[in-house]
PDB file of all heavy atoms in Angstrom:
ATOM      1  N   GLU A   1    -143.737  79.935  78.692  1.00  0.00           N
ATOM      2  CA  GLU A   1    -143.880  81.369  78.536  1.00  0.00           C
ATOM      3  C   GLU A   1    -143.831  82.067  79.883  1.00  0.00           C
ATOM      4  O   GLU A   1    -143.245  83.138  80.025  1.00  0.00           O
ATOM      5  CB  GLU A   1    -145.208  81.681  77.823  1.00  0.00           C
ATOM      6  CG  GLU A   1    -145.211  81.262  76.350  1.00  0.00           C
ATOM      7  CD  GLU A   1    -146.538  81.585  75.679  1.00  0.00           C
ATOM      8  OE1 GLU A   1    -147.473  81.989  76.405  1.00  0.00           O
ATOM      9  OE2 GLU A   1    -146.640  81.429  74.452  1.00  0.00           O
ATOM     10  N   ALA A   2    -144.462  81.458  80.905  1.00  0.00           N
ATOM     11  CA  ALA A   2    -144.435  82.039  82.240  1.00  0.00           C
ATOM     12  C   ALA A   2    -143.011  82.064  82.798  1.00  0.00           C
ATOM     13  O   ALA A   2    -142.586  83.054  83.423  1.00  0.00           O
ATOM     14  CB  ALA A   2    -145.364  81.268  83.176  1.00  0.00           C
ATOM     15  N   LEU A   3    -142.265  80.988  82.554  1.00  0.00           N
ATOM     16  CA  LEU A   3    -140.875  80.950  83.035  1.00  0.00           C
ATOM     17  C   LEU A   3    -140.015  81.997  82.309  1.00  0.00           C
ATOM     18  O   LEU A   3    -139.184  82.658  82.943  1.00  0.00           O
ATOM     19  CB  LEU A   3    -140.291  79.547  82.848  1.00  0.00           C
ATOM     20  CG  LEU A   3    -140.905  78.453  83.719  1.00  0.00           C
ATOM     21  CD1 LEU A   3    -140.295  77.098  83.377  1.00  0.00           C
ATOM     22  CD2 LEU A   3    -140.697  78.756  85.196  1.00  0.00           C
ATOM     23  N   LEU A   4    -140.208  82.133  81.006  1.00  0.00           N
ATOM     24  CA  LEU A   4    -139.452  83.141  80.256  1.00  0.00           C
ATOM     25  C   LEU A   4    -139.799  84.540  80.724  1.00  0.00           C
ATOM     26  O   LEU A   4    -138.925  85.402  80.855  1.00  0.00           O
ATOM     27  CB  LEU A   4    -139.733  82.990  78.757  1.00  0.00           C
ATOM     28  CG  LEU A   4    -139.226  81.712  78.100  1.00  0.00           C
ATOM     29  CD1 LEU A   4    -139.658  81.647  76.640  1.00  0.00           C
ATOM     30  CD2 LEU A   4    -137.692  81.629  78.198  1.00  0.00           C
ATOM     31  N   ARG A   5    -141.069  84.774  80.992  1.00  0.00           N
ATOM     32  CA  ARG A   5    -141.496  86.072  81.509  1.00  0.00           C
ATOM     33  C   ARG A   5    -140.885  86.344  82.875  1.00  0.00           C
ATOM     34  O   ARG A   5    -140.425  87.442  83.150  1.00  0.00           O
ATOM     35  CB  ARG A   5    -143.027  86.106  81.587  1.00  0.00           C
ATOM     36  CG  ARG A   5    -143.589  87.382  82.225  1.00  0.00           C
ATOM     37  CD  ARG A   5    -143.174  88.609  81.470  1.00  0.00           C
ATOM     38  NE  ARG A   5    -143.740  89.804  82.062  1.00  0.00           N
ATOM     39  CZ  ARG A   5    -143.356  91.057  81.746  1.00  0.00           C
ATOM     40  NH1 ARG A   5    -142.390  91.239  80.868  1.00  0.00           N
ATOM     41  NH2 ARG A   5    -143.922  92.091  82.327  1.00  0.00           N
ATOM     42  N   ARG A   6    -140.859  85.333  83.714  1.00  0.00           N
ATOM     43  CA  ARG A   6    -140.283  85.489  85.039  1.00  0.00           C
ATOM     44  C   ARG A   6    -138.782  85.773  84.945  1.00  0.00           C
ATOM     45  O   ARG A   6    -138.246  86.610  85.688  1.00  0.00           O
ATOM     46  CB  ARG A   6    -140.526  84.205  85.831  1.00  0.00           C
ATOM     47  CG  ARG A   6    -139.882  84.150  87.170  1.00  0.00           C
ATOM     48  CD  ARG A   6    -140.436  85.198  88.150  1.00  0.00           C
ATOM     49  NE  ARG A   6    -139.823  85.017  89.441  1.00  0.00           N
ATOM     50  CZ  ARG A   6    -140.171  84.064  90.296  1.00  0.00           C
ATOM     51  NH1 ARG A   6    -141.157  83.238  90.015  1.00  0.00           N
ATOM     52  NH2 ARG A   6    -139.556  83.978  91.451  1.00  0.00           N
ATOM     53  N   ALA A   7    -138.085  85.074  84.086  1.00  0.00           N
ATOM     54  CA  ALA A   7    -136.654  85.324  83.900  1.00  0.00           C
ATOM     55  C   ALA A   7    -136.414  86.741  83.410  1.00  0.00           C
ATOM     56  O   ALA A   7    -135.434  87.401  83.843  1.00  0.00           O
ATOM     57  CB  ALA A   7    -136.072  84.305  82.920  1.00  0.00           C
ATOM     58  N   GLN A   8    -137.266  87.243  82.540  1.00  0.00           N
ATOM     59  CA  GLN A   8    -137.126  88.599  82.059  1.00  0.00           C
ATOM     60  C   GLN A   8    -137.319  89.615  83.200  1.00  0.00           C
ATOM     61  O   GLN A   8    -136.590  90.592  83.306  1.00  0.00           O
ATOM     62  CB  GLN A   8    -138.146  88.875  80.945  1.00  0.00           C
ATOM     63  CG  GLN A   8    -138.171  90.306  80.438  1.00  0.00           C
ATOM     64  CD  GLN A   8    -136.879  90.715  79.779  1.00  0.00           C
ATOM     65  OE1 GLN A   8    -136.159  89.870  79.249  1.00  0.00           O
ATOM     66  NE2 GLN A   8    -136.586  92.014  79.785  1.00  0.00           N
ATOM     67  N   LEU A   9    -138.299  89.353  84.061  1.00  0.00           N
ATOM     68  CA  LEU A   9    -138.532  90.248  85.207  1.00  0.00           C
ATOM     69  C   LEU A   9    -137.338  90.237  86.170  1.00  0.00           C
ATOM     70  O   LEU A   9    -136.984  91.283  86.734  1.00  0.00           O
ATOM     71  CB  LEU A   9    -139.808  89.829  85.945  1.00  0.00           C
ATOM     72  CG  LEU A   9    -141.127  90.024  85.187  1.00  0.00           C
ATOM     73  CD1 LEU A   9    -142.300  89.518  86.014  1.00  0.00           C
ATOM     74  CD2 LEU A   9    -141.328  91.494  84.815  1.00  0.00           C
ATOM     75  N   GLU A  10    -136.720  89.096  86.334  1.00  0.00           N
ATOM     76  CA  GLU A  10    -135.542  89.045  87.207  1.00  0.00           C
ATOM     77  C   GLU A  10    -134.379  89.837  86.609  1.00  0.00           C
ATOM     78  O   GLU A  10    -133.629  90.497  87.333  1.00  0.00           O
ATOM     79  CB  GLU A  10    -135.144  87.597  87.449  1.00  0.00           C
ATOM     80  CG  GLU A  10    -136.136  86.834  88.327  1.00  0.00           C
ATOM     81  CD  GLU A  10    -135.673  85.438  88.694  1.00  0.00           C
ATOM     82  OE1 GLU A  10    -134.520  85.095  88.316  1.00  0.00           O
ATOM     83  OE2 GLU A  10    -136.428  84.694  89.332  1.00  0.00           O
ATOM     84  N   ARG A  11    -134.214  89.760  85.292  1.00  0.00           N
ATOM     85  CA  ARG A  11    -133.158  90.573  84.652  1.00  0.00           C
ATOM     86  C   ARG A  11    -133.465  92.074  84.815  1.00  0.00           C
ATOM     87  O   ARG A  11    -132.536  92.865  85.083  1.00  0.00           O
ATOM     88  CB  ARG A  11    -133.051  90.212  83.170  1.00  0.00           C
ATOM     89  CG  ARG A  11    -132.395  88.870  82.915  1.00  0.00           C
ATOM     90  CD  ARG A  11    -132.046  88.703  81.443  1.00  0.00           C
ATOM     91  NE  ARG A  11    -133.219  88.637  80.611  1.00  0.00           N
ATOM     92  CZ  ARG A  11    -133.853  87.512  80.273  1.00  0.00           C
ATOM     93  NH1 ARG A  11    -133.381  86.369  80.727  1.00  0.00           N
ATOM     94  NH2 ARG A  11    -134.899  87.517  79.497  1.00  0.00           N
ATOM     95  N   GLU A  12    -134.716  92.454  84.712  1.00  0.00           N
ATOM     96  CA  GLU A  12    -135.077  93.851  84.903  1.00  0.00           C
ATOM     97  C   GLU A  12    -134.848  94.269  86.366  1.00  0.00           C
ATOM     98  O   GLU A  12    -134.446  95.398  86.637  1.00  0.00           O
ATOM     99  CB  GLU A  12    -136.556  94.060  84.519  1.00  0.00           C
ATOM    100  CG  GLU A  12    -136.822  93.890  83.036  1.00  0.00           C
ATOM    101  CD  GLU A  12    -138.292  94.088  82.705  1.00  0.00           C
ATOM    102  OE1 GLU A  12    -139.063  94.468  83.608  1.00  0.00           O
ATOM    103  OE2 GLU A  12    -138.663  93.836  81.533  1.00  0.00           O
ATOM    104  N   LEU A  13    -135.093  93.340  87.298  1.00  0.00           N
ATOM    105  CA  LEU A  13    -134.862  93.654  88.700  1.00  0.00           C
ATOM    106  C   LEU A  13    -133.368  93.896  88.944  1.00  0.00           C
ATOM    107  O   LEU A  13    -132.999  94.815  89.691  1.00  0.00           O
ATOM    108  CB  LEU A  13    -135.366  92.505  89.582  1.00  0.00           C
ATOM    109  CG  LEU A  13    -135.105  92.633  91.082  1.00  0.00           C
ATOM    110  CD1 LEU A  13    -135.766  93.890  91.644  1.00  0.00           C
ATOM    111  CD2 LEU A  13    -135.616  91.403  91.809  1.00  0.00           C
ATOM    112  N   LEU A  14    -132.498  93.106  88.348  1.00  0.00           N
ATOM    113  CA  LEU A  14    -131.076  93.330  88.486  1.00  0.00           C
ATOM    114  C   LEU A  14    -130.666  94.682  87.921  1.00  0.00           C
ATOM    115  O   LEU A  14    -129.870  95.409  88.535  1.00  0.00           O
ATOM    116  CB  LEU A  14    -130.304  92.202  87.800  1.00  0.00           C
ATOM    117  CG  LEU A  14    -130.417  90.797  88.429  1.00  0.00           C
ATOM    118  CD1 LEU A  14    -129.711  89.785  87.551  1.00  0.00           C
ATOM    119  CD2 LEU A  14    -129.828  90.783  89.833  1.00  0.00           C
ATOM    120  N   ASP A  15    -131.191  95.034  86.760  1.00  0.00           N
ATOM    121  CA  ASP A  15    -130.859  96.316  86.168  1.00  0.00           C
ATOM    122  C   ASP A  15    -131.366  97.481  87.022  1.00  0.00           C
ATOM    123  O   ASP A  15    -130.648  98.470  87.242  1.00  0.00           O
ATOM    124  CB  ASP A  15    -131.470  96.415  84.757  1.00  0.00           C
ATOM    125  CG  ASP A  15    -130.821  95.426  83.774  1.00  0.00           C
ATOM    126  OD1 ASP A  15    -129.691  94.996  84.046  1.00  0.00           O
ATOM    127  OD2 ASP A  15    -131.458  95.116  82.759  1.00  0.00           O
ATOM    128  N   THR A  16    -132.581  97.357  87.526  1.00  0.00           N
ATOM    129  CA  THR A  16    -133.149  98.423  88.358  1.00  0.00           C
ATOM    130  C   THR A  16    -132.391  98.539  89.674  1.00  0.00           C
ATOM    131  O   THR A  16    -132.082  99.653  90.136  1.00  0.00           O
ATOM    132  CB  THR A  16    -134.643  98.131  88.641  1.00  0.00           C
ATOM    133  OG1 THR A  16    -135.338  98.034  87.401  1.00  0.00           O
ATOM    134  CG2 THR A  16    -135.249  99.251  89.474  1.00  0.00           C
ATOM    135  N   GLY A  17    -132.055  97.408  90.283  1.00  0.00           N
ATOM    136  CA  GLY A  17    -131.292  97.442  91.521  1.00  0.00           C
ATOM    137  C   GLY A  17    -129.934  98.086  91.346  1.00  0.00           C
ATOM    138  O   GLY A  17    -129.442  98.803  92.219  1.00  0.00           O
ATOM    139  N   MET A  18    -129.300  97.824  90.205  1.00  0.00           N
ATOM    140  CA  MET A  18    -128.005  98.473  89.946  1.00  0.00           C
ATOM    141  C   MET A  18    -128.138  99.984  89.891  1.00  0.00           C
ATOM    142  O   MET A  18    -127.250 100.712  90.341  1.00  0.00           O
ATOM    143  CB  MET A  18    -127.395  97.938  88.653  1.00  0.00           C
ATOM    144  CG  MET A  18    -126.050  98.572  88.297  1.00  0.00           C
ATOM    145  SD  MET A  18    -125.347  97.975  86.738  1.00  0.00           S
ATOM    146  CE  MET A  18    -124.881  96.308  87.216  1.00  0.00           C
ATOM    147  N   GLN A  19    -129.259 100.496  89.340  1.00  0.00           N
ATOM    148  CA  GLN A  19    -129.470 101.938  89.308  1.00  0.00           C
ATOM    149  C   GLN A  19    -129.502 102.528  90.718  1.00  0.00           C
ATOM    150  O   GLN A  19    -128.960 103.604  90.968  1.00  0.00           O
ATOM    151  CB  GLN A  19    -130.775 102.256  88.567  1.00  0.00           C
ATOM    152  CG  GLN A  19    -130.778 101.865  87.102  1.00  0.00           C
ATOM    153  CD  GLN A  19    -129.691 102.586  86.305  1.00  0.00           C
ATOM    154  OE1 GLN A  19    -129.493 103.788  86.471  1.00  0.00           O
ATOM    155  NE2 GLN A  19    -129.019 101.854  85.450  1.00  0.00           N
ATOM    156  N   PHE A  20    -130.138 101.817  91.642  1.00  0.00           N
ATOM    157  CA  PHE A  20    -130.146 102.284  93.038  1.00  0.00           C
ATOM    158  C   PHE A  20    -128.744 102.245  93.622  1.00  0.00           C
ATOM    159  O   PHE A  20    -128.333 103.180  94.334  1.00  0.00           O
ATOM    160  CB  PHE A  20    -131.096 101.431  93.875  1.00  0.00           C
ATOM    161  CG  PHE A  20    -132.539 101.776  93.727  1.00  0.00           C
ATOM    162  CD1 PHE A  20    -133.401 101.003  92.980  1.00  0.00           C
ATOM    163  CD2 PHE A  20    -133.060 102.913  94.339  1.00  0.00           C
ATOM    164  CE1 PHE A  20    -134.749 101.327  92.853  1.00  0.00           C
ATOM    165  CE2 PHE A  20    -134.406 103.239  94.204  1.00  0.00           C
ATOM    166  CZ  PHE A  20    -135.255 102.455  93.460  1.00  0.00           C
ATOM    167  N   SER A  21    -128.005 101.203  93.365  1.00  0.00           N
ATOM    168  CA  SER A  21    -126.633 101.117  93.889  1.00  0.00           C
ATOM    169  C   SER A  21    -125.774 102.249  93.376  1.00  0.00           C
ATOM    170  O   SER A  21    -125.028 102.886  94.132  1.00  0.00           O
ATOM    171  CB  SER A  21    -126.011  99.766  93.509  1.00  0.00           C
ATOM    172  OG  SER A  21    -126.661  98.698  94.163  1.00  0.00           O
ATOM    173  N   LEU A  22    -125.847 102.521  92.081  1.00  0.00           N
ATOM    174  CA  LEU A  22    -125.059 103.603  91.494  1.00  0.00           C
ATOM    175  C   LEU A  22    -125.489 104.958  92.049  1.00  0.00           C
ATOM    176  O   LEU A  22    -124.642 105.846  92.266  1.00  0.00           O
ATOM    177  CB  LEU A  22    -125.191 103.584  89.978  1.00  0.00           C
ATOM    178  CG  LEU A  22    -124.629 102.352  89.257  1.00  0.00           C
ATOM    179  CD1 LEU A  22    -124.917 102.411  87.759  1.00  0.00           C
ATOM    180  CD2 LEU A  22    -123.128 102.228  89.504  1.00  0.00           C
ATOM    181  N   ALA A  23    -126.780 105.138  92.300  1.00  0.00           N
ATOM    182  CA  ALA A  23    -127.269 106.400  92.876  1.00  0.00           C
ATOM    183  C   ALA A  23    -126.727 106.583  94.298  1.00  0.00           C
ATOM    184  O   ALA A  23    -126.330 107.690  94.676  1.00  0.00           O
ATOM    185  CB  ALA A  23    -128.785 106.455  92.846  1.00  0.00           C
ATOM    186  N   LEU A  24    -126.732 105.521  95.077  1.00  0.00           N
ATOM    187  CA  LEU A  24    -126.176 105.596  96.434  1.00  0.00           C
ATOM    188  C   LEU A  24    -124.686 105.888  96.397  1.00  0.00           C
ATOM    189  O   LEU A  24    -124.160 106.648  97.227  1.00  0.00           O
ATOM    190  CB  LEU A  24    -126.469 104.308  97.184  1.00  0.00           C
ATOM    191  CG  LEU A  24    -127.928 104.053  97.562  1.00  0.00           C
ATOM    192  CD1 LEU A  24    -128.116 102.624  98.048  1.00  0.00           C
ATOM    193  CD2 LEU A  24    -128.399 105.035  98.627  1.00  0.00           C
ATOM    194  N   ASP A  25    -123.978 105.299  95.423  1.00  0.00           N
ATOM    195  CA  ASP A  25    -122.559 105.585  95.273  1.00  0.00           C
ATOM    196  C   ASP A  25    -122.333 107.048  94.903  1.00  0.00           C
ATOM    197  O   ASP A  25    -121.419 107.730  95.401  1.00  0.00           O
ATOM    198  CB  ASP A  25    -121.939 104.687  94.226  1.00  0.00           C
ATOM    199  CG  ASP A  25    -121.841 103.244  94.679  1.00  0.00           C
ATOM    200  OD1 ASP A  25    -121.915 103.008  95.900  1.00  0.00           O
ATOM    201  OD2 ASP A  25    -121.672 102.354  93.833  1.00  0.00           O
ATOM    202  N   SER A  26    -123.171 107.574  93.992  1.00  0.00           N
ATOM    203  CA  SER A  26    -123.049 108.967  93.577  1.00  0.00           C
ATOM    204  C   SER A  26    -123.303 109.913  94.757  1.00  0.00           C
ATOM    205  O   SER A  26    -122.612 110.905  94.935  1.00  0.00           O
ATOM    206  CB  SER A  26    -124.033 109.258  92.445  1.00  0.00           C
ATOM    207  OG  SER A  26    -124.013 110.617  92.075  1.00  0.00           O
ATOM    208  N   TYR A  27    -124.289 109.590  95.560  1.00  0.00           N
ATOM    209  CA  TYR A  27    -124.599 110.395  96.747  1.00  0.00           C
ATOM    210  C   TYR A  27    -123.406 110.420  97.706  1.00  0.00           C
ATOM    211  O   TYR A  27    -123.026 111.483  98.224  1.00  0.00           O
ATOM    212  CB  TYR A  27    -125.839 109.835  97.433  1.00  0.00           C
ATOM    213  CG  TYR A  27    -126.336 110.635  98.605  1.00  0.00           C
ATOM    214  CD1 TYR A  27    -127.378 111.547  98.426  1.00  0.00           C
ATOM    215  CD2 TYR A  27    -125.804 110.493  99.877  1.00  0.00           C
ATOM    216  CE1 TYR A  27    -127.866 112.294  99.522  1.00  0.00           C
ATOM    217  CE2 TYR A  27    -126.279 111.210 100.965  1.00  0.00           C
ATOM    218  CZ  TYR A  27    -127.312 112.109 100.767  1.00  0.00           C
ATOM    219  OH  TYR A  27    -127.780 112.864 101.838  1.00  0.00           O
ATOM    220  N   ALA A  28    -122.796 109.249  97.912  1.00  0.00           N
ATOM    221  CA  ALA A  28    -121.657 109.163  98.824  1.00  0.00           C
ATOM    222  C   ALA A  28    -120.453 109.933  98.274  1.00  0.00           C
ATOM    223  O   ALA A  28    -119.749 110.633  99.018  1.00  0.00           O
ATOM    224  CB  ALA A  28    -121.305 107.713  99.081  1.00  0.00           C
ATOM    225  N   ALA A  29    -120.207 109.789  96.979  1.00  0.00           N
ATOM    226  CA  ALA A  29    -119.029 110.441  96.391  1.00  0.00           C
ATOM    227  C   ALA A  29    -119.155 111.972  96.402  1.00  0.00           C
ATOM    228  O   ALA A  29    -118.154 112.668  96.470  1.00  0.00           O
ATOM    229  CB  ALA A  29    -118.819 109.943  94.958  1.00  0.00           C
ATOM    230  N   ALA A  30    -120.397 112.477  96.356  1.00  0.00           N
ATOM    231  CA  ALA A  30    -120.596 113.921  96.301  1.00  0.00           C
ATOM    232  C   ALA A  30    -120.749 114.553  97.681  1.00  0.00           C
ATOM    233  O   ALA A  30    -120.982 115.755  97.794  1.00  0.00           O
ATOM    234  CB  ALA A  30    -121.849 114.240  95.471  1.00  0.00           C
ATOM    235  N   THR A  31    -120.612 113.764  98.728  1.00  0.00           N
ATOM    236  CA  THR A  31    -120.859 114.261 100.092  1.00  0.00           C
ATOM    237  C   THR A  31    -119.844 115.322 100.496  1.00  0.00           C
ATOM    238  O   THR A  31    -118.635 115.080 100.410  1.00  0.00           O
ATOM    239  CB  THR A  31    -120.828 113.091 101.090  1.00  0.00           C
ATOM    240  OG1 THR A  31    -121.827 112.128 100.726  1.00  0.00           O
ATOM    241  CG2 THR A  31    -121.100 113.589 102.501  1.00  0.00           C
ATOM    242  N   PRO A  32    -120.323 116.507 100.935  1.00  0.00           N
ATOM    243  CA  PRO A  32    -119.379 117.491 101.466  1.00  0.00           C
ATOM    244  C   PRO A  32    -118.713 116.996 102.736  1.00  0.00           C
ATOM    245  O   PRO A  32    -119.230 116.117 103.430  1.00  0.00           O
ATOM    246  CB  PRO A  32    -120.280 118.713 101.730  1.00  0.00           C
ATOM    247  CG  PRO A  32    -121.514 118.479 100.921  1.00  0.00           C
ATOM    248  CD  PRO A  32    -121.701 117.005 100.872  1.00  0.00           C
ATOM    249  N   ARG A  33    -117.582 117.555 103.034  1.00  0.00           N
ATOM    250  CA  ARG A  33    -116.832 117.119 104.206  1.00  0.00           C
ATOM    251  C   ARG A  33    -117.639 117.324 105.481  1.00  0.00           C
ATOM    252  O   ARG A  33    -118.266 118.362 105.687  1.00  0.00           O
ATOM    253  CB  ARG A  33    -115.521 117.927 104.293  1.00  0.00           C
ATOM    254  CG  ARG A  33    -114.609 117.507 105.477  1.00  0.00           C
ATOM    255  CD  ARG A  33    -113.399 118.383 105.519  1.00  0.00           C
ATOM    256  NE  ARG A  33    -112.629 118.287 104.303  1.00  0.00           N
ATOM    257  CZ  ARG A  33    -111.674 117.362 104.101  1.00  0.00           C
ATOM    258  NH1 ARG A  33    -111.399 116.491 105.062  1.00  0.00           N
ATOM    259  NH2 ARG A  33    -111.004 117.333 102.963  1.00  0.00           N
ATOM    260  N   GLY A  34    -117.644 116.304 106.308  1.00  0.00           N
ATOM    261  CA  GLY A  34    -118.309 116.382 107.595  1.00  0.00           C
ATOM    262  C   GLY A  34    -119.789 116.027 107.590  1.00  0.00           C
ATOM    263  O   GLY A  34    -120.427 116.094 108.644  1.00  0.00           O
ATOM    264  N   GLN A  35    -120.357 115.623 106.427  1.00  0.00           N
ATOM    265  CA  GLN A  35    -121.766 115.279 106.372  1.00  0.00           C
ATOM    266  C   GLN A  35    -121.938 113.773 106.113  1.00  0.00           C
ATOM    267  O   GLN A  35    -121.008 113.108 105.627  1.00  0.00           O
ATOM    268  CB  GLN A  35    -122.476 116.082 105.256  1.00  0.00           C
ATOM    269  CG  GLN A  35    -122.492 117.579 105.515  1.00  0.00           C
ATOM    270  CD  GLN A  35    -123.476 118.297 104.617  1.00  0.00           C
ATOM    271  OE1 GLN A  35    -124.404 117.674 104.088  1.00  0.00           O
ATOM    272  NE2 GLN A  35    -123.285 119.601 104.421  1.00  0.00           N
ATOM    273  N   PRO A  36    -123.118 113.201 106.477  1.00  0.00           N
ATOM    274  CA  PRO A  36    -123.322 111.776 106.275  1.00  0.00           C
ATOM    275  C   PRO A  36    -123.202 111.391 104.807  1.00  0.00           C
ATOM    276  O   PRO A  36    -123.633 112.129 103.903  1.00  0.00           O
ATOM    277  CB  PRO A  36    -124.750 111.546 106.796  1.00  0.00           C
ATOM    278  CG  PRO A  36    -124.999 112.668 107.713  1.00  0.00           C
ATOM    279  CD  PRO A  36    -124.258 113.839 107.163  1.00  0.00           C
ATOM    280  N   ARG A  37    -122.643 110.224 104.562  1.00  0.00           N
ATOM    281  CA  ARG A  37    -122.402 109.756 103.193  1.00  0.00           C
ATOM    282  C   ARG A  37    -123.528 108.872 102.655  1.00  0.00           C
ATOM    283  O   ARG A  37    -123.417 108.358 101.549  1.00  0.00           O
ATOM    284  CB  ARG A  37    -121.081 108.985 103.134  1.00  0.00           C
ATOM    285  CG  ARG A  37    -119.872 109.853 103.403  1.00  0.00           C
ATOM    286  CD  ARG A  37    -118.602 109.011 103.522  1.00  0.00           C
ATOM    287  NE  ARG A  37    -118.350 108.223 102.353  1.00  0.00           N
ATOM    288  CZ  ARG A  37    -117.734 108.669 101.243  1.00  0.00           C
ATOM    289  NH1 ARG A  37    -117.335 109.922 101.186  1.00  0.00           N
ATOM    290  NH2 ARG A  37    -117.528 107.866 100.219  1.00  0.00           N
ATOM    291  N   ALA A  38    -124.607 108.725 103.412  1.00  0.00           N
ATOM    292  CA  ALA A  38    -125.757 107.918 102.941  1.00  0.00           C
ATOM    293  C   ALA A  38    -127.034 108.644 103.311  1.00  0.00           C
ATOM    294  O   ALA A  38    -127.118 109.292 104.356  1.00  0.00           O
ATOM    295  CB  ALA A  38    -125.736 106.533 103.584  1.00  0.00           C
TER     296      ALA A  38
END
């Protein structure tokens, strides 16, 4: 049960981390000309 719970937390970590990656991509794509992209 502990291993299954741990595996579930790792899957949630991957999903959460992807949300941060997509947000950083969105920030970069919306950057006005001449401003930092991160």
